[in-house]
């Protein structure tokens, strides 16, 4: 099931409970490196030696007042209009970091789409399905989990849509 890793998080516990094959990938998180790399996800891709298109960041937005999770490649950005459309909404804005942390139970830079405190509607960028595996945060900075994108979609109850912008 799981290989590698350094301790359980709600995300890795959710994967284990579901019996989903995954690999926990740890790296030494350094805030200065993350800032220089262009963010936590870019730092993870570089540290793990993985194509940034295969490493996904978890963002929380407010769509018509409801929090929604968007999972997009770290080398792209979230198209808020596309996100709103994907969930049948009119307008999306990025959530305040404190609201994202309260809803998910994770800190910014370590928000995982898996094992969240409160299950939020989730949209995974359709491009994720082009990869045999993807990496998402395992619930803390310096810890990612690699799994099949179909498993990510199934476990989060996500819809897939083209929500990433170059």
N, C-alpha and C. Protein backbone atom coordinates (compact mmCIF):
# COMPACT_ATOMS: atom_id res chain seq x y z
N UNK A 1 0.84 -1.18 0.00
CA UNK A 1 0.00 0.00 0.00
C UNK A 1 0.88 1.24 0.00
N UNK A 2 1.26 1.69 1.18
CA UNK A 2 2.08 2.89 1.29
C UNK A 2 3.54 2.51 1.42
N UNK A 3 4.39 3.27 0.78
CA UNK A 3 5.83 3.07 0.93
C UNK A 3 6.44 4.42 1.25
N UNK A 4 7.46 4.42 2.05
CA UNK A 4 8.14 5.66 2.39
C UNK A 4 7.37 6.38 3.48
N UNK A 5 7.72 7.65 3.70
CA UNK A 5 6.92 8.48 4.57
C UNK A 5 7.46 8.62 5.97
N UNK A 6 6.86 9.57 6.66
CA UNK A 6 7.29 9.88 8.01
C UNK A 6 6.09 10.26 8.85
N UNK A 7 5.30 9.27 9.24
CA UNK A 7 4.18 9.54 10.12
C UNK A 7 2.87 9.77 9.40
N UNK A 8 1.80 9.45 10.11
CA UNK A 8 0.47 9.57 9.53
C UNK A 8 -0.06 10.99 9.65
N UNK A 9 -0.84 11.35 8.67
CA UNK A 9 -1.60 12.59 8.68
C UNK A 9 -3.04 12.20 8.37
N UNK A 10 -4.01 13.09 8.53
CA UNK A 10 -5.37 12.73 8.13
C UNK A 10 -5.45 12.29 6.66
N UNK A 11 -4.62 12.87 5.81
CA UNK A 11 -4.62 12.49 4.38
C UNK A 11 -4.12 11.06 4.20
N UNK A 12 -3.00 10.72 4.82
CA UNK A 12 -2.46 9.37 4.64
C UNK A 12 -3.35 8.35 5.35
N UNK A 13 -3.97 8.74 6.45
CA UNK A 13 -4.90 7.84 7.13
C UNK A 13 -6.11 7.56 6.25
N UNK A 14 -6.60 8.58 5.55
CA UNK A 14 -7.74 8.39 4.64
C UNK A 14 -7.37 7.44 3.51
N UNK A 15 -6.16 7.58 2.98
CA UNK A 15 -5.71 6.68 1.93
C UNK A 15 -5.61 5.24 2.44
N UNK A 16 -5.07 5.07 3.63
CA UNK A 16 -4.93 3.73 4.20
C UNK A 16 -6.30 3.11 4.45
N UNK A 17 -7.24 3.89 5.02
CA UNK A 17 -8.59 3.37 5.27
C UNK A 17 -9.27 2.93 3.98
N UNK A 18 -9.03 3.68 2.90
CA UNK A 18 -9.66 3.36 1.62
C UNK A 18 -8.93 2.24 0.87
N UNK A 19 -7.75 1.85 1.36
CA UNK A 19 -6.99 0.80 0.71
C UNK A 19 -6.42 1.21 -0.65
N UNK A 20 -6.13 2.50 -0.78
CA UNK A 20 -5.64 3.04 -2.05
C UNK A 20 -4.12 2.97 -2.09
N UNK A 21 -3.58 2.42 -3.17
CA UNK A 21 -2.13 2.37 -3.35
C UNK A 21 -1.59 3.79 -3.47
N UNK A 22 -0.54 4.07 -2.71
CA UNK A 22 0.07 5.40 -2.73
C UNK A 22 1.50 5.30 -2.21
N UNK A 23 2.26 6.34 -2.49
CA UNK A 23 3.62 6.44 -2.00
C UNK A 23 3.76 7.78 -1.31
N UNK A 24 4.19 7.76 -0.07
CA UNK A 24 4.43 8.99 0.67
C UNK A 24 5.84 9.46 0.33
N UNK A 25 5.95 10.72 -0.07
CA UNK A 25 7.24 11.29 -0.52
C UNK A 25 7.58 12.49 0.38
N UNK A 26 8.61 12.35 1.18
CA UNK A 26 9.04 13.42 2.09
C UNK A 26 10.22 14.17 1.50
N UNK A 27 10.32 15.44 1.85
CA UNK A 27 11.46 16.26 1.45
C UNK A 27 11.68 17.31 2.54
N UNK A 28 12.87 17.89 2.56
CA UNK A 28 13.18 18.91 3.56
C UNK A 28 12.60 20.24 3.12
N UNK A 29 11.54 20.66 3.80
CA UNK A 29 10.90 21.94 3.48
C UNK A 29 11.74 23.07 4.04
N UNK A 30 11.96 24.09 3.22
CA UNK A 30 12.70 25.28 3.63
C UNK A 30 11.92 26.49 3.12
N UNK A 31 11.38 27.32 4.02
CA UNK A 31 10.59 28.48 3.59
C UNK A 31 11.32 29.39 2.59
N UNK A 32 12.62 29.54 2.76
CA UNK A 32 13.39 30.40 1.84
C UNK A 32 13.44 29.77 0.44
N UNK A 33 13.61 28.45 0.39
CA UNK A 33 13.64 27.75 -0.89
C UNK A 33 12.26 27.83 -1.54
N UNK A 34 11.21 27.65 -0.76
CA UNK A 34 9.84 27.72 -1.30
C UNK A 34 9.59 29.10 -1.91
N UNK A 35 10.02 30.15 -1.22
CA UNK A 35 9.83 31.51 -1.73
C UNK A 35 10.62 31.72 -3.02
N UNK A 36 11.84 31.24 -3.06
CA UNK A 36 12.68 31.41 -4.25
C UNK A 36 12.16 30.57 -5.42
N UNK A 37 11.58 29.41 -5.11
CA UNK A 37 11.08 28.51 -6.16
C UNK A 37 9.76 28.98 -6.74
N UNK A 38 9.06 29.86 -6.02
CA UNK A 38 7.76 30.33 -6.50
C UNK A 38 6.59 29.68 -5.79
N UNK A 39 6.83 29.09 -4.63
CA UNK A 39 5.74 28.51 -3.85
C UNK A 39 6.07 27.13 -3.33
N UNK A 40 5.19 26.65 -2.46
CA UNK A 40 5.40 25.35 -1.83
C UNK A 40 5.39 24.21 -2.85
N UNK A 41 4.49 24.27 -3.81
CA UNK A 41 4.40 23.21 -4.81
C UNK A 41 5.61 23.14 -5.70
N UNK A 42 6.10 24.31 -6.10
CA UNK A 42 7.31 24.35 -6.93
C UNK A 42 8.50 23.82 -6.15
N UNK A 43 8.55 24.13 -4.86
CA UNK A 43 9.61 23.60 -4.02
C UNK A 43 9.53 22.07 -3.98
N UNK A 44 8.31 21.53 -3.82
CA UNK A 44 8.13 20.09 -3.76
C UNK A 44 8.58 19.43 -5.07
N UNK A 45 8.16 20.00 -6.20
CA UNK A 45 8.53 19.42 -7.50
C UNK A 45 10.04 19.37 -7.66
N UNK A 46 10.72 20.47 -7.30
CA UNK A 46 12.17 20.53 -7.43
C UNK A 46 12.84 19.54 -6.46
N UNK A 47 12.39 19.53 -5.22
CA UNK A 47 13.01 18.67 -4.22
C UNK A 47 12.82 17.18 -4.53
N UNK A 48 11.68 16.85 -5.12
CA UNK A 48 11.38 15.45 -5.41
C UNK A 48 11.79 15.03 -6.83
N UNK A 49 12.25 16.01 -7.62
CA UNK A 49 12.69 15.70 -8.97
C UNK A 49 11.57 15.25 -9.88
N UNK A 50 10.41 15.88 -9.73
CA UNK A 50 9.22 15.49 -10.49
C UNK A 50 8.79 16.64 -11.39
N UNK A 51 8.25 16.31 -12.56
CA UNK A 51 7.71 17.30 -13.48
C UNK A 51 6.65 18.14 -12.75
N UNK A 52 6.80 19.47 -12.73
CA UNK A 52 5.82 20.31 -12.03
C UNK A 52 4.37 20.12 -12.51
N UNK A 53 4.18 19.66 -13.73
CA UNK A 53 2.82 19.41 -14.23
C UNK A 53 2.17 18.23 -13.51
N UNK A 54 2.99 17.38 -12.89
CA UNK A 54 2.50 16.19 -12.19
C UNK A 54 2.26 16.46 -10.70
N UNK A 55 2.77 17.59 -10.21
CA UNK A 55 2.60 17.96 -8.80
C UNK A 55 1.45 18.96 -8.74
N UNK A 56 0.46 18.65 -7.91
CA UNK A 56 -0.75 19.46 -7.85
C UNK A 56 -0.83 20.23 -6.55
N UNK A 57 -1.27 21.48 -6.65
CA UNK A 57 -1.49 22.28 -5.45
C UNK A 57 -2.97 22.31 -5.14
N UNK A 58 -3.28 22.41 -3.87
CA UNK A 58 -4.65 22.43 -3.40
C UNK A 58 -4.99 23.85 -2.97
N UNK A 59 -5.94 24.44 -3.66
CA UNK A 59 -6.35 25.81 -3.39
C UNK A 59 -7.79 25.82 -2.92
N UNK A 60 -8.11 26.77 -2.06
CA UNK A 60 -9.49 26.89 -1.58
C UNK A 60 -10.02 28.24 -2.04
N UNK A 61 -11.18 28.19 -2.69
CA UNK A 61 -11.83 29.39 -3.19
C UNK A 61 -13.25 29.46 -2.63
N UNK A 62 -13.82 30.62 -2.72
CA UNK A 62 -15.21 30.81 -2.36
C UNK A 62 -15.99 31.01 -3.65
N UNK A 63 -16.95 30.13 -3.90
CA UNK A 63 -17.80 30.24 -5.08
C UNK A 63 -19.19 30.58 -4.59
N UNK A 64 -19.63 31.77 -4.91
CA UNK A 64 -20.95 32.26 -4.48
C UNK A 64 -21.15 32.06 -2.97
N UNK A 65 -20.07 32.24 -2.21
CA UNK A 65 -20.14 32.16 -0.75
C UNK A 65 -19.84 30.80 -0.15
N UNK A 66 -19.70 29.77 -0.97
CA UNK A 66 -19.39 28.43 -0.47
C UNK A 66 -17.94 28.08 -0.79
N UNK A 67 -17.25 27.48 0.18
CA UNK A 67 -15.87 27.09 -0.06
C UNK A 67 -15.80 25.87 -0.98
N UNK A 68 -14.87 25.94 -1.92
CA UNK A 68 -14.65 24.88 -2.91
C UNK A 68 -13.14 24.65 -3.02
N UNK A 69 -12.74 23.40 -3.15
CA UNK A 69 -11.33 23.05 -3.32
C UNK A 69 -11.04 22.90 -4.81
N UNK A 70 -9.94 23.49 -5.25
CA UNK A 70 -9.46 23.33 -6.62
C UNK A 70 -8.08 22.70 -6.56
N UNK A 71 -7.85 21.70 -7.39
CA UNK A 71 -6.56 21.00 -7.42
C UNK A 71 -6.00 21.18 -8.82
N UNK A 72 -4.90 21.95 -8.90
CA UNK A 72 -4.32 22.32 -10.19
C UNK A 72 -2.80 22.12 -10.16
N UNK A 73 -2.17 21.99 -11.33
CA UNK A 73 -0.72 21.82 -11.36
C UNK A 73 0.01 23.01 -10.74
N UNK A 74 1.13 22.74 -10.08
CA UNK A 74 1.87 23.80 -9.41
C UNK A 74 2.48 24.80 -10.40
N UNK A 75 2.64 24.38 -11.66
CA UNK A 75 3.23 25.29 -12.64
C UNK A 75 2.17 26.12 -13.37
N UNK A 76 0.93 26.03 -12.93
CA UNK A 76 -0.15 26.83 -13.51
C UNK A 76 -0.82 27.66 -12.45
N UNK A 77 -1.91 28.26 -12.82
CA UNK A 77 -2.70 29.00 -11.84
C UNK A 77 -4.15 28.63 -12.02
N UNK A 78 -4.95 28.96 -11.05
CA UNK A 78 -6.36 28.62 -11.06
C UNK A 78 -7.14 29.65 -11.86
N UNK A 79 -7.97 29.19 -12.78
CA UNK A 79 -8.89 30.04 -13.52
C UNK A 79 -10.18 30.09 -12.70
N UNK A 80 -10.39 31.21 -12.02
CA UNK A 80 -11.53 31.32 -11.11
C UNK A 80 -12.87 31.26 -11.84
N UNK A 81 -12.94 31.81 -13.04
CA UNK A 81 -14.19 31.73 -13.80
C UNK A 81 -14.51 30.29 -14.17
N UNK A 82 -13.49 29.55 -14.58
CA UNK A 82 -13.69 28.15 -14.93
C UNK A 82 -14.09 27.33 -13.70
N UNK A 83 -13.51 27.65 -12.55
CA UNK A 83 -13.88 26.95 -11.31
C UNK A 83 -15.35 27.19 -10.98
N UNK A 84 -15.77 28.44 -11.04
CA UNK A 84 -17.17 28.76 -10.75
C UNK A 84 -18.09 27.98 -11.69
N UNK A 85 -17.75 27.97 -12.97
CA UNK A 85 -18.57 27.26 -13.95
C UNK A 85 -18.61 25.76 -13.67
N UNK A 86 -17.48 25.21 -13.23
CA UNK A 86 -17.39 23.76 -12.99
C UNK A 86 -18.32 23.30 -11.88
N UNK A 87 -18.64 24.20 -10.95
CA UNK A 87 -19.52 23.82 -9.84
C UNK A 87 -20.89 24.49 -9.95
N UNK A 88 -21.16 25.06 -11.12
CA UNK A 88 -22.47 25.67 -11.35
C UNK A 88 -22.66 27.02 -10.67
N UNK A 89 -21.54 27.69 -10.38
CA UNK A 89 -21.62 28.98 -9.72
C UNK A 89 -21.41 30.13 -10.69
N UNK A 90 -21.54 31.32 -10.14
CA UNK A 90 -21.38 32.52 -10.96
C UNK A 90 -20.03 33.21 -10.75
N UNK A 91 -19.58 33.28 -9.49
CA UNK A 91 -18.39 34.07 -9.18
C UNK A 91 -17.52 33.34 -8.15
N UNK A 92 -16.23 33.32 -8.41
CA UNK A 92 -15.28 32.69 -7.48
C UNK A 92 -14.19 33.68 -7.13
N UNK A 93 -13.79 33.66 -5.86
CA UNK A 93 -12.65 34.43 -5.38
C UNK A 93 -11.85 33.51 -4.47
N UNK A 94 -10.57 33.78 -4.35
CA UNK A 94 -9.75 32.98 -3.44
C UNK A 94 -10.23 33.18 -2.01
N UNK A 95 -10.27 32.10 -1.26
CA UNK A 95 -10.68 32.16 0.15
C UNK A 95 -9.57 32.80 0.97
N UNK A 96 -9.95 33.39 2.06
CA UNK A 96 -8.97 33.89 3.02
C UNK A 96 -8.21 32.69 3.58
N UNK A 97 -6.88 32.82 3.76
CA UNK A 97 -6.11 31.69 4.28
C UNK A 97 -6.66 31.12 5.59
N UNK A 98 -7.10 31.98 6.49
CA UNK A 98 -7.62 31.49 7.77
C UNK A 98 -8.89 30.66 7.57
N UNK A 99 -9.74 31.05 6.64
CA UNK A 99 -10.96 30.29 6.35
C UNK A 99 -10.60 28.94 5.74
N UNK A 100 -9.60 28.91 4.85
CA UNK A 100 -9.16 27.66 4.25
C UNK A 100 -8.60 26.72 5.32
N UNK A 101 -7.82 27.26 6.23
CA UNK A 101 -7.24 26.44 7.29
C UNK A 101 -8.30 25.90 8.22
N UNK A 102 -9.27 26.74 8.60
CA UNK A 102 -10.35 26.28 9.49
C UNK A 102 -11.17 25.16 8.84
N UNK A 103 -11.50 25.33 7.58
CA UNK A 103 -12.36 24.35 6.90
C UNK A 103 -11.65 23.03 6.64
N UNK A 104 -10.36 23.09 6.29
CA UNK A 104 -9.65 21.87 5.91
C UNK A 104 -8.93 21.18 7.08
N UNK A 105 -8.56 21.97 8.09
CA UNK A 105 -7.78 21.41 9.19
C UNK A 105 -6.29 21.37 8.90
N UNK A 106 -5.88 21.95 7.80
CA UNK A 106 -4.47 21.99 7.40
C UNK A 106 -3.98 23.43 7.33
N UNK A 107 -2.66 23.62 7.39
CA UNK A 107 -2.09 24.95 7.23
C UNK A 107 -1.78 25.21 5.76
N UNK A 108 -1.85 26.48 5.38
CA UNK A 108 -1.52 26.87 4.01
C UNK A 108 -0.11 26.37 3.69
N UNK A 109 0.04 25.81 2.52
CA UNK A 109 1.32 25.21 2.13
C UNK A 109 1.34 23.72 2.41
N UNK A 110 0.35 23.25 3.18
CA UNK A 110 0.25 21.83 3.49
C UNK A 110 -1.19 21.35 3.37
N UNK A 111 -2.04 22.14 2.71
CA UNK A 111 -3.44 21.73 2.55
C UNK A 111 -3.51 20.58 1.57
N UNK A 112 -4.10 19.50 2.02
CA UNK A 112 -4.29 18.32 1.17
C UNK A 112 -5.75 18.26 0.74
N UNK A 113 -6.00 17.75 -0.45
CA UNK A 113 -7.40 17.53 -0.84
C UNK A 113 -8.00 16.31 -0.14
N UNK A 114 -7.17 15.54 0.55
CA UNK A 114 -7.58 14.31 1.21
C UNK A 114 -7.65 14.50 2.72
N UNK A 115 -8.60 13.86 3.37
CA UNK A 115 -8.67 13.86 4.82
C UNK A 115 -8.96 15.20 5.44
N UNK A 116 -9.70 16.04 4.76
CA UNK A 116 -10.00 17.36 5.29
C UNK A 116 -11.00 17.29 6.45
N UNK A 117 -10.92 18.26 7.33
CA UNK A 117 -11.81 18.34 8.49
C UNK A 117 -13.26 18.35 8.04
N UNK A 118 -13.54 19.14 7.03
CA UNK A 118 -14.89 19.27 6.49
C UNK A 118 -14.79 18.98 4.99
N UNK A 119 -15.52 18.02 4.51
CA UNK A 119 -15.43 17.66 3.09
C UNK A 119 -16.05 18.78 2.25
N UNK A 120 -15.23 19.37 1.42
CA UNK A 120 -15.66 20.46 0.54
C UNK A 120 -15.80 19.95 -0.88
N UNK A 121 -16.69 20.59 -1.64
CA UNK A 121 -16.76 20.25 -3.07
C UNK A 121 -15.38 20.44 -3.66
N UNK A 122 -14.99 19.53 -4.53
CA UNK A 122 -13.63 19.54 -5.07
C UNK A 122 -13.66 19.42 -6.59
N UNK A 123 -12.79 20.20 -7.22
CA UNK A 123 -12.61 20.14 -8.66
C UNK A 123 -11.13 19.87 -8.93
N UNK A 124 -10.86 18.79 -9.64
CA UNK A 124 -9.50 18.45 -10.04
C UNK A 124 -9.34 18.85 -11.50
N UNK A 125 -8.27 19.57 -11.80
CA UNK A 125 -8.04 19.97 -13.19
C UNK A 125 -7.97 18.73 -14.07
N UNK A 126 -8.66 18.79 -15.20
CA UNK A 126 -8.75 17.65 -16.11
C UNK A 126 -7.37 17.19 -16.60
N UNK A 127 -6.41 18.09 -16.68
CA UNK A 127 -5.07 17.73 -17.12
C UNK A 127 -4.38 16.72 -16.22
N UNK A 128 -4.82 16.61 -14.97
CA UNK A 128 -4.22 15.65 -14.04
C UNK A 128 -4.41 14.22 -14.53
N UNK A 129 -5.49 13.99 -15.27
CA UNK A 129 -5.79 12.64 -15.73
C UNK A 129 -4.83 12.16 -16.81
N UNK A 130 -4.01 13.06 -17.34
CA UNK A 130 -3.04 12.69 -18.37
C UNK A 130 -1.81 11.99 -17.81
N UNK A 131 -1.66 11.99 -16.49
CA UNK A 131 -0.47 11.41 -15.86
C UNK A 131 -0.81 10.07 -15.20
N UNK A 132 0.12 9.12 -15.21
CA UNK A 132 -0.15 7.84 -14.53
C UNK A 132 -0.29 8.03 -13.02
N UNK A 133 0.49 8.96 -12.46
CA UNK A 133 0.37 9.31 -11.05
C UNK A 133 0.53 10.81 -10.91
N UNK A 134 -0.01 11.33 -9.81
CA UNK A 134 0.15 12.74 -9.46
C UNK A 134 0.56 12.82 -8.00
N UNK A 135 1.11 13.96 -7.62
CA UNK A 135 1.48 14.18 -6.23
C UNK A 135 0.66 15.34 -5.69
N UNK A 136 0.14 15.16 -4.48
CA UNK A 136 -0.57 16.22 -3.76
C UNK A 136 0.00 16.26 -2.35
N UNK A 137 -0.27 17.35 -1.66
CA UNK A 137 0.19 17.44 -0.28
C UNK A 137 -0.41 16.31 0.54
N UNK A 138 0.42 15.76 1.41
CA UNK A 138 -0.03 14.70 2.32
C UNK A 138 -0.51 15.29 3.64
N UNK A 139 -0.60 16.62 3.71
CA UNK A 139 -1.17 17.23 4.91
C UNK A 139 -0.22 18.06 5.74
N UNK A 140 1.01 18.17 5.29
CA UNK A 140 1.93 19.10 5.96
C UNK A 140 3.05 19.46 4.99
N UNK A 141 3.64 20.60 5.24
CA UNK A 141 4.74 21.06 4.39
C UNK A 141 5.87 20.05 4.47
N UNK A 142 6.42 19.72 3.30
CA UNK A 142 7.52 18.76 3.25
C UNK A 142 7.07 17.32 3.11
N UNK A 143 5.78 17.11 2.87
CA UNK A 143 5.27 15.74 2.75
C UNK A 143 4.20 15.70 1.66
N UNK A 144 4.46 14.93 0.61
CA UNK A 144 3.51 14.74 -0.47
C UNK A 144 3.13 13.27 -0.55
N UNK A 145 2.06 13.01 -1.26
CA UNK A 145 1.63 11.64 -1.50
C UNK A 145 1.41 11.48 -3.00
N UNK A 146 1.92 10.38 -3.53
CA UNK A 146 1.79 10.08 -4.95
C UNK A 146 0.73 8.99 -5.12
N UNK A 147 -0.21 9.23 -6.02
CA UNK A 147 -1.29 8.28 -6.26
C UNK A 147 -1.82 8.44 -7.67
N UNK A 148 -2.64 7.51 -8.10
CA UNK A 148 -3.27 7.60 -9.41
C UNK A 148 -4.29 8.73 -9.39
N UNK A 149 -4.35 9.53 -10.45
CA UNK A 149 -5.32 10.63 -10.46
C UNK A 149 -6.77 10.16 -10.34
N UNK A 150 -7.09 8.99 -10.88
CA UNK A 150 -8.45 8.47 -10.74
C UNK A 150 -8.78 8.19 -9.27
N UNK A 151 -7.79 7.73 -8.50
CA UNK A 151 -8.01 7.51 -7.08
C UNK A 151 -8.22 8.83 -6.35
N UNK A 152 -7.47 9.85 -6.73
CA UNK A 152 -7.64 11.18 -6.13
C UNK A 152 -9.06 11.68 -6.37
N UNK A 153 -9.53 11.55 -7.60
CA UNK A 153 -10.88 12.00 -7.95
C UNK A 153 -11.92 11.20 -7.16
N UNK A 154 -11.76 9.90 -7.10
CA UNK A 154 -12.73 9.06 -6.40
C UNK A 154 -12.77 9.37 -4.91
N UNK A 155 -11.60 9.49 -4.27
CA UNK A 155 -11.57 9.70 -2.82
C UNK A 155 -12.10 11.07 -2.40
N UNK A 156 -11.95 12.05 -3.26
CA UNK A 156 -12.42 13.40 -2.92
C UNK A 156 -13.83 13.66 -3.43
N UNK A 157 -14.36 12.74 -4.23
CA UNK A 157 -15.68 12.96 -4.82
C UNK A 157 -15.65 14.11 -5.80
N UNK A 158 -14.50 14.33 -6.40
CA UNK A 158 -14.28 15.50 -7.26
C UNK A 158 -14.96 15.36 -8.61
N UNK A 159 -15.18 16.51 -9.20
CA UNK A 159 -15.48 16.58 -10.62
C UNK A 159 -14.17 16.99 -11.29
N UNK A 160 -14.02 16.63 -12.56
CA UNK A 160 -12.85 17.09 -13.29
C UNK A 160 -13.31 18.10 -14.33
N UNK A 161 -12.51 19.12 -14.48
CA UNK A 161 -12.82 20.19 -15.44
C UNK A 161 -11.51 20.94 -15.72
N UNK A 162 -11.42 21.60 -16.87
CA UNK A 162 -10.23 22.38 -17.17
C UNK A 162 -10.24 23.70 -16.39
N UNK A 163 -9.68 23.68 -15.17
CA UNK A 163 -9.70 24.86 -14.30
C UNK A 163 -8.32 25.50 -14.13
N UNK A 164 -7.30 24.94 -14.77
CA UNK A 164 -5.96 25.51 -14.67
C UNK A 164 -5.72 26.43 -15.86
N UNK A 165 -5.07 27.53 -15.60
CA UNK A 165 -4.65 28.46 -16.65
C UNK A 165 -3.14 28.46 -16.69
N UNK A 166 -2.58 28.49 -17.90
CA UNK A 166 -1.14 28.47 -18.10
C UNK A 166 -0.42 29.42 -17.28
